[in-house]
N, C-alpha and C. Protein backbone atom coordinates (compact mmCIF):
# COMPACT_ATOMS: atom_id res chain seq x y z
N MET A 1 -30.70 -8.48 77.17
CA MET A 1 -30.25 -8.26 75.97
C MET A 1 -29.66 -6.74 75.86
N LYS A 2 -28.95 -6.26 74.70
CA LYS A 2 -28.44 -5.19 74.75
C LYS A 2 -28.61 -4.71 73.43
N LYS A 3 -28.69 -3.21 73.48
CA LYS A 3 -28.72 -2.59 72.38
C LYS A 3 -27.66 -1.74 71.78
N ILE A 4 -26.74 -2.02 70.83
CA ILE A 4 -25.72 -1.06 70.60
C ILE A 4 -26.15 -0.31 69.52
N GLU A 5 -25.44 1.08 69.80
CA GLU A 5 -25.63 1.95 68.96
C GLU A 5 -24.11 2.75 68.28
N ALA A 6 -23.77 2.52 67.42
CA ALA A 6 -22.60 2.97 66.50
C ALA A 6 -22.70 4.06 65.80
N ILE A 7 -21.96 5.27 65.98
CA ILE A 7 -21.81 6.19 65.43
C ILE A 7 -20.60 6.32 64.44
N VAL A 8 -20.54 6.25 63.34
CA VAL A 8 -19.01 5.98 62.70
C VAL A 8 -19.19 6.81 61.24
N ARG A 9 -17.93 7.05 60.72
CA ARG A 9 -17.67 7.55 59.61
C ARG A 9 -18.80 6.92 58.32
N THR A 10 -19.13 7.70 57.38
CA THR A 10 -20.04 7.31 56.59
C THR A 10 -19.18 6.10 55.64
N GLU A 11 -17.83 6.62 55.31
CA GLU A 11 -17.03 5.87 54.21
C GLU A 11 -16.67 4.24 54.92
N MET A 12 -17.02 4.19 56.52
CA MET A 12 -16.73 2.77 56.81
C MET A 12 -17.82 1.93 57.00
N PHE A 13 -19.02 2.52 56.62
CA PHE A 13 -20.17 1.82 56.98
C PHE A 13 -20.13 0.37 56.08
N ASP A 14 -19.91 0.39 54.82
CA ASP A 14 -19.94 -0.68 54.01
C ASP A 14 -18.89 -1.93 54.52
N SER A 15 -17.86 -1.97 55.18
CA SER A 15 -17.01 -2.94 55.72
C SER A 15 -17.42 -3.12 57.01
N ILE A 16 -18.06 -2.19 57.90
CA ILE A 16 -18.77 -2.63 58.96
C ILE A 16 -20.09 -3.69 58.82
N LYS A 17 -21.01 -3.22 57.77
CA LYS A 17 -22.19 -3.93 57.58
C LYS A 17 -21.52 -5.38 57.18
N ASP A 18 -20.56 -5.60 55.88
CA ASP A 18 -20.18 -6.94 55.37
C ASP A 18 -19.59 -7.66 56.77
N ALA A 19 -18.95 -6.77 57.57
CA ALA A 19 -18.49 -7.87 58.82
C ALA A 19 -19.46 -8.26 59.74
N LEU A 20 -20.57 -7.50 59.96
CA LEU A 20 -21.63 -7.80 60.87
C LEU A 20 -22.44 -9.09 60.51
N SER A 21 -22.43 -9.01 58.89
CA SER A 21 -23.30 -9.84 58.46
C SER A 21 -22.43 -11.32 58.42
N GLU A 22 -21.32 -11.29 58.38
CA GLU A 22 -20.46 -12.51 58.43
C GLU A 22 -20.39 -13.04 59.75
N LEU A 23 -20.55 -12.17 60.98
CA LEU A 23 -20.89 -12.67 62.24
C LEU A 23 -22.37 -13.14 62.45
N GLY A 24 -23.13 -12.81 61.32
CA GLY A 24 -24.52 -13.63 61.68
C GLY A 24 -25.57 -12.49 62.32
N TYR A 25 -25.14 -11.39 62.20
CA TYR A 25 -26.09 -10.17 62.35
C TYR A 25 -26.42 -9.07 61.16
N PRO A 26 -27.03 -9.65 60.26
CA PRO A 26 -27.34 -8.91 58.89
C PRO A 26 -28.44 -7.92 59.51
N GLY A 27 -29.08 -8.07 60.37
CA GLY A 27 -29.98 -6.97 60.67
C GLY A 27 -29.82 -5.87 61.55
N MET A 28 -30.03 -4.65 60.98
CA MET A 28 -29.46 -3.55 61.69
C MET A 28 -30.48 -2.46 61.37
N THR A 29 -30.65 -1.27 61.96
CA THR A 29 -31.11 0.00 61.52
C THR A 29 -30.11 1.12 61.35
N VAL A 30 -30.26 1.73 60.34
CA VAL A 30 -29.06 2.70 59.86
C VAL A 30 -29.75 4.08 59.70
N THR A 31 -29.23 4.83 60.32
CA THR A 31 -29.57 6.51 60.04
C THR A 31 -28.58 7.32 59.91
N MET A 32 -28.84 8.15 58.56
CA MET A 32 -27.93 9.12 58.60
C MET A 32 -27.97 10.49 59.55
N VAL A 33 -27.15 10.74 60.22
CA VAL A 33 -26.91 11.80 61.22
C VAL A 33 -25.97 12.86 60.87
N LYS A 34 -25.96 13.93 61.60
CA LYS A 34 -25.11 14.80 61.75
C LYS A 34 -24.69 15.14 63.29
N GLY A 35 -23.43 15.39 63.51
CA GLY A 35 -23.11 16.04 64.85
C GLY A 35 -21.51 16.12 65.14
N HIS A 36 -20.92 16.23 66.17
CA HIS A 36 -19.65 16.61 66.72
C HIS A 36 -19.64 16.30 67.90
N GLY A 37 -18.26 16.00 68.23
CA GLY A 37 -17.89 15.83 69.55
C GLY A 37 -16.86 16.55 70.04
N ASN A 38 -15.61 15.98 70.55
CA ASN A 38 -14.46 16.79 70.64
C ASN A 38 -13.80 17.51 69.57
N GLN A 39 -14.01 16.94 68.31
CA GLN A 39 -13.50 17.48 67.07
C GLN A 39 -14.19 18.73 66.87
N LYS A 40 -15.22 19.11 67.31
CA LYS A 40 -15.99 20.38 67.15
C LYS A 40 -16.00 20.96 65.62
N GLY A 41 -16.06 19.80 64.83
CA GLY A 41 -16.32 20.19 63.03
C GLY A 41 -14.86 20.35 62.40
N ILE A 42 -15.13 20.83 61.16
CA ILE A 42 -13.83 20.91 60.52
C ILE A 42 -13.77 22.62 59.62
N VAL A 43 -12.89 22.93 59.26
CA VAL A 43 -12.62 23.97 58.42
C VAL A 43 -12.39 23.63 57.05
N GLU A 44 -13.18 24.12 56.08
CA GLU A 44 -12.78 23.78 54.48
C GLU A 44 -12.64 25.11 53.83
N THR A 45 -11.89 25.10 52.60
CA THR A 45 -11.95 26.14 51.89
C THR A 45 -12.22 26.04 50.71
N TRP A 46 -13.42 26.75 50.10
CA TRP A 46 -14.00 26.74 48.93
C TRP A 46 -13.98 27.94 48.12
N ARG A 47 -13.37 27.94 46.83
CA ARG A 47 -13.46 28.97 46.26
C ARG A 47 -12.62 30.40 47.14
N GLY A 48 -11.67 29.87 47.62
CA GLY A 48 -10.72 30.96 48.59
C GLY A 48 -11.26 31.15 49.82
N LYS A 49 -12.45 31.02 50.05
CA LYS A 49 -13.10 31.25 51.20
C LYS A 49 -13.07 30.19 52.50
N MET A 50 -12.87 30.66 53.54
CA MET A 50 -12.75 29.26 54.54
C MET A 50 -14.19 29.24 55.21
N PHE A 51 -14.78 28.07 55.26
CA PHE A 51 -15.84 27.70 55.95
C PHE A 51 -15.61 26.79 57.40
N ARG A 52 -16.44 27.15 58.11
CA ARG A 52 -16.45 26.12 59.48
C ARG A 52 -17.51 25.38 59.28
N ILE A 53 -17.46 24.11 59.08
CA ILE A 53 -18.61 22.75 59.18
C ILE A 53 -18.54 22.31 60.58
N ASP A 54 -19.79 22.72 61.14
CA ASP A 54 -19.81 22.12 62.86
C ASP A 54 -20.43 20.80 62.80
N LEU A 55 -21.18 20.70 61.85
CA LEU A 55 -21.91 19.25 62.02
C LEU A 55 -21.63 18.38 61.01
N LEU A 56 -20.68 17.33 61.26
CA LEU A 56 -20.43 16.51 60.24
C LEU A 56 -21.42 15.56 60.04
N SER A 57 -21.17 14.64 58.75
CA SER A 57 -22.25 13.52 58.29
C SER A 57 -21.67 12.53 59.15
N LYS A 58 -22.48 11.57 59.58
CA LYS A 58 -22.08 10.41 60.21
C LYS A 58 -23.30 9.22 60.06
N ILE A 59 -22.82 7.86 60.12
CA ILE A 59 -23.95 7.06 60.19
C ILE A 59 -24.54 6.13 61.46
N LYS A 60 -25.49 6.05 61.91
CA LYS A 60 -25.78 5.74 62.99
C LYS A 60 -26.34 3.91 62.96
N ILE A 61 -25.54 3.21 63.53
CA ILE A 61 -26.02 1.90 63.32
C ILE A 61 -26.52 1.58 64.61
N GLU A 62 -27.93 0.67 64.86
CA GLU A 62 -28.41 0.11 65.87
C GLU A 62 -28.51 -1.12 65.48
N ILE A 63 -28.09 -2.15 66.56
CA ILE A 63 -28.46 -3.31 66.60
C ILE A 63 -28.76 -3.93 68.06
N THR A 64 -29.85 -4.70 68.02
CA THR A 64 -30.27 -5.47 69.36
C THR A 64 -29.57 -6.88 69.47
N VAL A 65 -29.00 -7.23 70.37
CA VAL A 65 -28.29 -8.52 70.55
C VAL A 65 -28.40 -9.15 71.78
N LYS A 66 -28.15 -10.54 71.70
CA LYS A 66 -27.85 -11.38 73.42
C LYS A 66 -26.69 -10.62 73.75
N ASP A 67 -26.67 -10.66 75.08
CA ASP A 67 -25.76 -10.18 76.11
C ASP A 67 -24.35 -10.86 75.79
N THR A 68 -24.34 -12.14 75.60
CA THR A 68 -23.04 -12.85 75.03
C THR A 68 -22.48 -12.55 73.71
N ASP A 69 -23.23 -11.62 72.85
CA ASP A 69 -22.76 -11.38 71.74
C ASP A 69 -22.02 -9.84 71.59
N VAL A 70 -22.20 -9.17 72.49
CA VAL A 70 -22.04 -7.84 72.70
C VAL A 70 -20.42 -7.34 72.32
N GLU A 71 -19.62 -8.06 73.06
CA GLU A 71 -18.36 -7.74 73.19
C GLU A 71 -17.73 -8.13 71.78
N ASN A 72 -18.04 -9.10 71.20
CA ASN A 72 -17.69 -9.74 69.83
C ASN A 72 -18.19 -8.53 68.88
N ILE A 73 -19.22 -8.21 68.82
CA ILE A 73 -20.00 -7.22 68.02
C ILE A 73 -19.00 -5.78 67.91
N VAL A 74 -18.84 -5.31 69.07
CA VAL A 74 -18.25 -4.01 69.65
C VAL A 74 -16.91 -4.27 69.10
N ASN A 75 -16.10 -5.02 69.10
CA ASN A 75 -14.58 -5.23 68.68
C ASN A 75 -14.73 -5.38 67.18
N THR A 76 -16.02 -6.02 66.59
CA THR A 76 -15.78 -5.92 65.19
C THR A 76 -15.98 -4.57 64.65
N ILE A 77 -17.02 -3.90 65.35
CA ILE A 77 -17.03 -2.54 64.72
C ILE A 77 -15.86 -1.64 64.90
N VAL A 78 -15.47 -1.61 66.10
CA VAL A 78 -14.10 -0.97 66.36
C VAL A 78 -12.88 -1.30 65.33
N GLN A 79 -12.80 -2.56 65.14
CA GLN A 79 -11.59 -2.79 64.25
C GLN A 79 -12.02 -2.32 62.68
N LYS A 80 -13.28 -2.49 62.34
CA LYS A 80 -13.53 -1.98 61.04
C LYS A 80 -13.64 -0.60 60.68
N SER A 81 -13.90 0.25 61.80
CA SER A 81 -14.13 1.51 61.77
C SER A 81 -12.81 2.79 62.10
N GLN A 82 -11.96 1.75 62.93
CA GLN A 82 -10.94 2.66 63.83
C GLN A 82 -10.19 3.14 62.50
N THR A 83 -9.72 4.62 62.53
CA THR A 83 -8.75 5.18 61.53
C THR A 83 -7.52 5.60 62.57
N GLY A 84 -7.65 6.12 63.86
CA GLY A 84 -6.75 6.42 64.66
C GLY A 84 -6.81 7.97 65.07
N ASN A 85 -7.77 8.55 63.92
CA ASN A 85 -8.18 10.17 64.18
C ASN A 85 -9.23 10.43 64.78
N MET A 86 -9.26 11.98 65.22
CA MET A 86 -10.58 12.29 65.64
C MET A 86 -11.68 12.27 64.91
N GLY A 87 -12.85 11.92 65.24
CA GLY A 87 -13.94 11.42 64.53
C GLY A 87 -14.40 10.32 64.03
N ASP A 88 -13.51 9.51 64.87
CA ASP A 88 -13.90 7.99 64.19
C ASP A 88 -15.35 7.60 64.74
N GLY A 89 -15.76 7.95 65.87
CA GLY A 89 -16.95 7.64 66.24
C GLY A 89 -17.20 7.36 67.76
N LYS A 90 -18.46 6.68 68.14
CA LYS A 90 -18.81 6.56 69.48
C LYS A 90 -19.63 5.08 69.39
N ILE A 91 -19.52 4.51 70.33
CA ILE A 91 -20.42 3.00 70.44
C ILE A 91 -21.12 3.42 72.02
N PHE A 92 -22.37 3.29 71.97
CA PHE A 92 -23.16 3.15 73.39
C PHE A 92 -23.67 1.77 73.21
N ILE A 93 -23.69 1.21 74.64
CA ILE A 93 -24.36 0.02 74.72
C ILE A 93 -25.70 0.42 75.94
N SER A 94 -26.68 0.01 75.64
CA SER A 94 -27.85 -0.03 76.52
C SER A 94 -28.63 -1.36 76.88
N HIS A 95 -29.28 -1.49 77.83
CA HIS A 95 -30.15 -2.58 78.13
C HIS A 95 -31.24 -2.29 77.53
N ILE A 96 -31.70 -3.84 77.15
CA ILE A 96 -33.03 -3.77 76.57
C ILE A 96 -34.00 -4.76 77.29
N GLU A 97 -35.02 -4.02 77.74
CA GLU A 97 -36.08 -4.80 78.75
C GLU A 97 -36.68 -6.16 78.11
N ASN A 98 -37.44 -5.73 76.92
CA ASN A 98 -37.82 -6.90 76.06
C ASN A 98 -38.01 -6.39 74.74
N VAL A 99 -38.31 -7.44 73.58
CA VAL A 99 -38.47 -6.91 72.20
C VAL A 99 -39.50 -8.01 71.91
N TYR A 100 -40.40 -7.27 70.77
CA TYR A 100 -41.48 -8.16 70.34
C TYR A 100 -41.48 -8.08 68.87
N ARG A 101 -41.55 -9.33 68.25
CA ARG A 101 -41.59 -9.37 66.80
C ARG A 101 -42.90 -9.03 66.33
N VAL A 102 -43.48 -8.16 65.55
CA VAL A 102 -44.82 -7.93 65.32
C VAL A 102 -45.52 -8.69 64.69
N ARG A 103 -44.66 -9.53 63.72
CA ARG A 103 -45.64 -10.33 62.67
C ARG A 103 -46.21 -11.63 63.49
N THR A 104 -45.20 -12.23 64.53
CA THR A 104 -45.82 -13.26 64.94
C THR A 104 -46.01 -13.26 66.57
N LYS A 105 -45.54 -12.20 67.28
CA LYS A 105 -45.91 -11.91 68.48
C LYS A 105 -44.99 -12.38 69.58
N GLU A 106 -44.02 -12.95 69.00
CA GLU A 106 -43.08 -13.42 69.67
C GLU A 106 -41.87 -12.69 70.50
N SER A 107 -41.43 -12.94 71.81
CA SER A 107 -40.76 -11.97 72.69
C SER A 107 -39.60 -12.39 73.18
N GLY A 108 -38.89 -11.61 73.55
CA GLY A 108 -37.39 -11.95 74.10
C GLY A 108 -36.61 -12.19 73.03
N GLU A 109 -35.26 -12.92 73.40
CA GLU A 109 -34.39 -13.03 72.49
C GLU A 109 -34.83 -13.65 71.47
N ILE A 110 -35.65 -14.75 71.34
CA ILE A 110 -36.20 -15.55 70.15
C ILE A 110 -36.59 -14.15 69.04
N ALA A 111 -37.08 -13.22 69.34
CA ALA A 111 -37.71 -12.05 68.70
C ALA A 111 -36.49 -11.33 67.85
N ILE A 112 -35.42 -11.34 68.27
CA ILE A 112 -34.22 -10.50 67.70
C ILE A 112 -34.12 -11.13 66.44
């Protein structure tokens, strides 16, 4: 099993969520996060004054999936979130040793 963590632009979330649901992965954990990578924030002007915004709002999507589904899900997230500009986000893949469903005590891939 793998855990996919995708940090994406907030405005791209709905299309990603709908596409993942169509793939059969409606379950996910979503967190509002702030941060920056190579972009190092943006500069905005408000009432004639320039402000540097170092930490940009993003959405972090976490999904645990079977090993065989990782590539398809990653490709879907990239396709739905890619603008070609800095700040599109990142996707991290981690190995998951085990998972348990609290309600039934099932474990392994059946608990996903």
